[in-house]
C-alpha atoms as a PDB file:
ATOM      1  CA  UNK A   1     135.672 -15.258  17.351  1.00  0.00           C
ATOM      2  CA  UNK A   2     137.507 -18.320  16.073  1.00  0.00           C
ATOM      3  CA  UNK A   3     136.537 -20.045  12.852  1.00  0.00           C
ATOM      4  CA  UNK A   4     137.115 -23.756  12.398  1.00  0.00           C
ATOM      5  CA  UNK A   5     138.066 -24.723   8.871  1.00  0.00           C
ATOM      6  CA  UNK A   6     136.564 -28.203   8.751  1.00  0.00           C
ATOM      7  CA  UNK A   7     137.798 -28.914   5.223  1.00  0.00           C
ATOM      8  CA  UNK A   8     141.373 -28.863   6.560  1.00  0.00           C
ATOM      9  CA  UNK A   9     140.651 -31.639   9.062  1.00  0.00           C
ATOM     10  CA  UNK A  10     140.578 -35.345   8.391  1.00  0.00           C
ATOM     11  CA  UNK A  11     136.910 -36.041   9.096  1.00  0.00           C
ATOM     12  CA  UNK A  12     137.320 -39.757   9.831  1.00  0.00           C
ATOM     13  CA  UNK A  13     140.089 -39.258  12.375  1.00  0.00           C
ATOM     14  CA  UNK A  14     138.198 -36.372  14.008  1.00  0.00           C
ATOM     15  CA  UNK A  15     135.150 -38.615  14.437  1.00  0.00           C
ATOM     16  CA  UNK A  16     137.328 -41.374  15.923  1.00  0.00           C
ATOM     17  CA  UNK A  17     138.897 -38.942  18.377  1.00  0.00           C
ATOM     18  CA  UNK A  18     135.508 -37.444  19.247  1.00  0.00           C
ATOM     19  CA  UNK A  19     134.185 -40.946  19.995  1.00  0.00           C
ATOM     20  CA  UNK A  20     137.065 -41.525  22.419  1.00  0.00           C
ATOM     21  CA  UNK A  21     135.816 -38.721  24.686  1.00  0.00           C
ATOM     22  CA  UNK A  22     132.706 -40.418  26.117  1.00  0.00           C
ATOM     23  CA  UNK A  23     134.618 -43.694  26.418  1.00  0.00           C
ATOM     24  CA  UNK A  24     137.519 -42.324  28.437  1.00  0.00           C
ATOM     25  CA  UNK A  25     135.813 -39.565  30.413  1.00  0.00           C
ATOM     26  CA  UNK A  26     132.283 -40.851  30.950  1.00  0.00           C
ATOM     27  CA  UNK A  27     132.543 -44.668  30.934  1.00  0.00           C
ATOM     28  CA  UNK A  28     130.882 -44.484  27.518  1.00  0.00           C
ATOM     29  CA  UNK A  29     127.814 -42.810  29.051  1.00  0.00           C
ATOM     30  CA  UNK A  30     126.814 -40.514  26.212  1.00  0.00           C
ATOM     31  CA  UNK A  31     123.963 -38.937  28.178  1.00  0.00           C
ATOM     32  CA  UNK A  32     126.439 -37.848  30.847  1.00  0.00           C
ATOM     33  CA  UNK A  33     128.699 -36.332  28.210  1.00  0.00           C
ATOM     34  CA  UNK A  34     125.768 -34.530  26.576  1.00  0.00           C
ATOM     35  CA  UNK A  35     124.868 -32.987  29.946  1.00  0.00           C
ATOM     36  CA  UNK A  36     128.487 -32.023  30.615  1.00  0.00           C
ATOM     37  CA  UNK A  37     128.844 -30.154  27.324  1.00  0.00           C
ATOM     38  CA  UNK A  38     125.315 -28.755  27.433  1.00  0.00           C
ATOM     39  CA  UNK A  39     123.881 -30.381  24.293  1.00  0.00           C
ATOM     40  CA  UNK A  40     121.016 -32.797  23.736  1.00  0.00           C
ATOM     41  CA  UNK A  41     121.730 -36.509  23.468  1.00  0.00           C
ATOM     42  CA  UNK A  42     120.516 -36.400  19.834  1.00  0.00           C
ATOM     43  CA  UNK A  43     122.894 -33.544  19.040  1.00  0.00           C
ATOM     44  CA  UNK A  44     125.797 -35.424  20.640  1.00  0.00           C
ATOM     45  CA  UNK A  45     124.926 -38.533  18.596  1.00  0.00           C
ATOM     46  CA  UNK A  46     125.093 -36.355  15.471  1.00  0.00           C
ATOM     47  CA  UNK A  47     128.647 -35.335  16.396  1.00  0.00           C
ATOM     48  CA  UNK A  48     129.658 -38.911  17.249  1.00  0.00           C
ATOM     49  CA  UNK A  49     128.370 -40.236  13.932  1.00  0.00           C
ATOM     50  CA  UNK A  50     129.719 -37.356  11.846  1.00  0.00           C
ATOM     51  CA  UNK A  51     126.334 -36.007  10.776  1.00  0.00           C
ATOM     52  CA  UNK A  52     126.948 -32.680  12.537  1.00  0.00           C
ATOM     53  CA  UNK A  53     130.041 -30.720  13.473  1.00  0.00           C
ATOM     54  CA  UNK A  54     130.388 -29.067  16.871  1.00  0.00           C
ATOM     55  CA  UNK A  55     130.658 -25.300  16.985  1.00  0.00           C
ATOM     56  CA  UNK A  56     132.930 -23.118  19.064  1.00  0.00           C
ATOM     57  CA  UNK A  57     130.682 -23.177  22.168  1.00  0.00           C
ATOM     58  CA  UNK A  58     130.616 -26.987  22.220  1.00  0.00           C
ATOM     59  CA  UNK A  59     134.367 -27.212  21.668  1.00  0.00           C
ATOM     60  CA  UNK A  60     134.905 -24.772  24.527  1.00  0.00           C
ATOM     61  CA  UNK A  61     132.764 -26.968  26.816  1.00  0.00           C
ATOM     62  CA  UNK A  62     134.707 -30.047  25.691  1.00  0.00           C
ATOM     63  CA  UNK A  63     137.922 -28.284  26.685  1.00  0.00           C
ATOM     64  CA  UNK A  64     136.382 -27.399  30.058  1.00  0.00           C
ATOM     65  CA  UNK A  65     135.865 -31.106  30.801  1.00  0.00           C
ATOM     66  CA  UNK A  66     139.562 -31.741  30.257  1.00  0.00           C
ATOM     67  CA  UNK A  67     139.973 -32.556  26.564  1.00  0.00           C
ATOM     68  CA  UNK A  68     142.881 -31.049  24.661  1.00  0.00           C
ATOM     69  CA  UNK A  69     141.210 -29.289  21.714  1.00  0.00           C
ATOM     70  CA  UNK A  70     144.438 -29.375  19.702  1.00  0.00           C
ATOM     71  CA  UNK A  71     144.368 -33.186  20.016  1.00  0.00           C
ATOM     72  CA  UNK A  72     140.685 -33.348  19.117  1.00  0.00           C
ATOM     73  CA  UNK A  73     141.027 -31.228  15.983  1.00  0.00           C
ATOM     74  CA  UNK A  74     144.447 -32.318  14.733  1.00  0.00           C
ATOM     75  CA  UNK A  75     145.514 -35.455  16.582  1.00  0.00           C
ATOM     76  CA  UNK A  76     148.578 -33.642  17.964  1.00  0.00           C
ATOM     77  CA  UNK A  77     149.365 -33.853  21.661  1.00  0.00           C
ATOM     78  CA  UNK A  78     147.618 -35.831  24.379  1.00  0.00           C
ATOM     79  CA  UNK A  79     143.890 -36.421  24.728  1.00  0.00           C
ATOM     80  CA  UNK A  80     143.838 -34.585  28.067  1.00  0.00           C
ATOM     81  CA  UNK A  81     144.575 -30.920  28.695  1.00  0.00           C
ATOM     82  CA  UNK A  82     146.344 -31.081  32.087  1.00  0.00           C
ATOM     83  CA  UNK A  83     145.044 -27.710  33.291  1.00  0.00           C
ATOM     84  CA  UNK A  84     141.368 -28.244  32.535  1.00  0.00           C
ATOM     85  CA  UNK A  85     141.372 -32.009  33.221  1.00  0.00           C
ATOM     86  CA  UNK A  86     142.371 -31.602  36.866  1.00  0.00           C
ATOM     87  CA  UNK A  87     139.766 -28.875  37.368  1.00  0.00           C
ATOM     88  CA  UNK A  88     137.047 -31.018  35.763  1.00  0.00           C
ATOM     89  CA  UNK A  89     137.997 -34.038  37.869  1.00  0.00           C
ATOM     90  CA  UNK A  90     137.947 -32.031  41.092  1.00  0.00           C
ATOM     91  CA  UNK A  91     134.526 -30.621  40.248  1.00  0.00           C
ATOM     92  CA  UNK A  92     133.196 -34.132  39.550  1.00  0.00           C
ATOM     93  CA  UNK A  93     132.404 -33.386  35.899  1.00  0.00           C
ATOM     94  CA  UNK A  94     134.111 -36.568  34.690  1.00  0.00           C
ATOM     95  CA  UNK A  95     134.568 -40.150  35.939  1.00  0.00           C
ATOM     96  CA  UNK A  96     138.146 -40.583  37.140  1.00  0.00           C
ATOM     97  CA  UNK A  97     138.026 -43.737  39.261  1.00  0.00           C
ATOM     98  CA  UNK A  98     138.777 -46.029  36.321  1.00  0.00           C
ATOM     99  CA  UNK A  99     141.204 -43.949  34.256  1.00  0.00           C
ATOM    100  CA  UNK A 100     143.638 -46.886  34.257  1.00  0.00           C
ATOM    101  CA  UNK A 101     141.505 -48.548  31.553  1.00  0.00           C
ATOM    102  CA  UNK A 102     142.345 -48.464  27.887  1.00  0.00           C
ATOM    103  CA  UNK A 103     145.297 -46.302  26.869  1.00  0.00           C
ATOM    104  CA  UNK A 104     146.307 -45.602  30.443  1.00  0.00           C
ATOM    105  CA  UNK A 105     147.211 -49.060  31.743  1.00  0.00           C
ATOM    106  CA  UNK A 106     150.701 -49.048  33.212  1.00  0.00           C
END
């Protein structure tokens, strides 16, 4: 089992990165994200506002919807994990029809 050492992470930047997930993958629909990672909306709001910290099971689900966990925890790399992102998109777990918004405008 992995242990996350939260004291080694910059809390503010983690919260900012965590808040990018519903925006880019779920059109800012937090209820849809909560369903996708199998948590309640209230629990997700706790993560988004920094009142709670997600555990290993939640982080694993976040990776399954296409988020690069290394990016989420450290800021290194890209927001998307290419392997899991494509799988999540094909299974309809995330909204991909407007991915050109925000950071991805060419």
